[in-house]
Structures are given as C-alpha cells and as structure tokens.
Amino acid sequence: MLRGSFPLLGLSLLAAYAALGFDGLGHYAVAPIELHSFGANATIIFEVVVAALLLSATLYVMGTRFRRRPLVEHGRRRRACGFERLIINSDPD
C-alpha cells in the first residue's frame, strides 16, 4: 500500500498497528509490576518501546510525505496532484 496508490491508507494502518503495541501495558492493570517476572516485564517494556518508536516514525513519515507544499518552489512549477488538481482545474463559471 505504501508504494502503490494508497500510501496514506498504508501509513494509517501501520500507525494503528503501532498503537496496538501499547496494549501490552494492560498486563499491569491485571497484576502490578512486582507480580510479573523479570522476563515478562522486559518483554512488556520492550513491546511498548518498539511500539512508540514505530508510531513516531510512522507519524514522521506521514507528516513529511503529506505536508502541503506550494505549487511553485524556487522558480519551478511543481506538478499538482490529488486535491490540488481539483482546485486548480475547477472554474467557478
């Protein structure tokens, strides 16, 4: 989806998947941290850290890839795409 024609959908699904990684903290709602073994705590913490890194990287890519840019950059005309093309080609006749 990222390389195809639906990159925003692909990045959104990846961000949702990363957000699900925070569900590992739900283990501590059932039993406090002291009642988990060292291995269980390490696994839960690692899962949450990786989810945070994946979510922040995904949001960064979404922000840099889909930010609004002007149609003219440094004297060169950039090709309009998507919604910009609809705005440019629509005449209020």
Foldseek 3Di string as FASTA:
>chain_A
DCPDDPNVVVLVVQLVVLVVLLCLCVVCVVPNPVPDDPVSVVVNVVSNVVSVVSNVVSVVCCCVVPDDDDQADPNDGHDDDDPRVVVVPDDPD
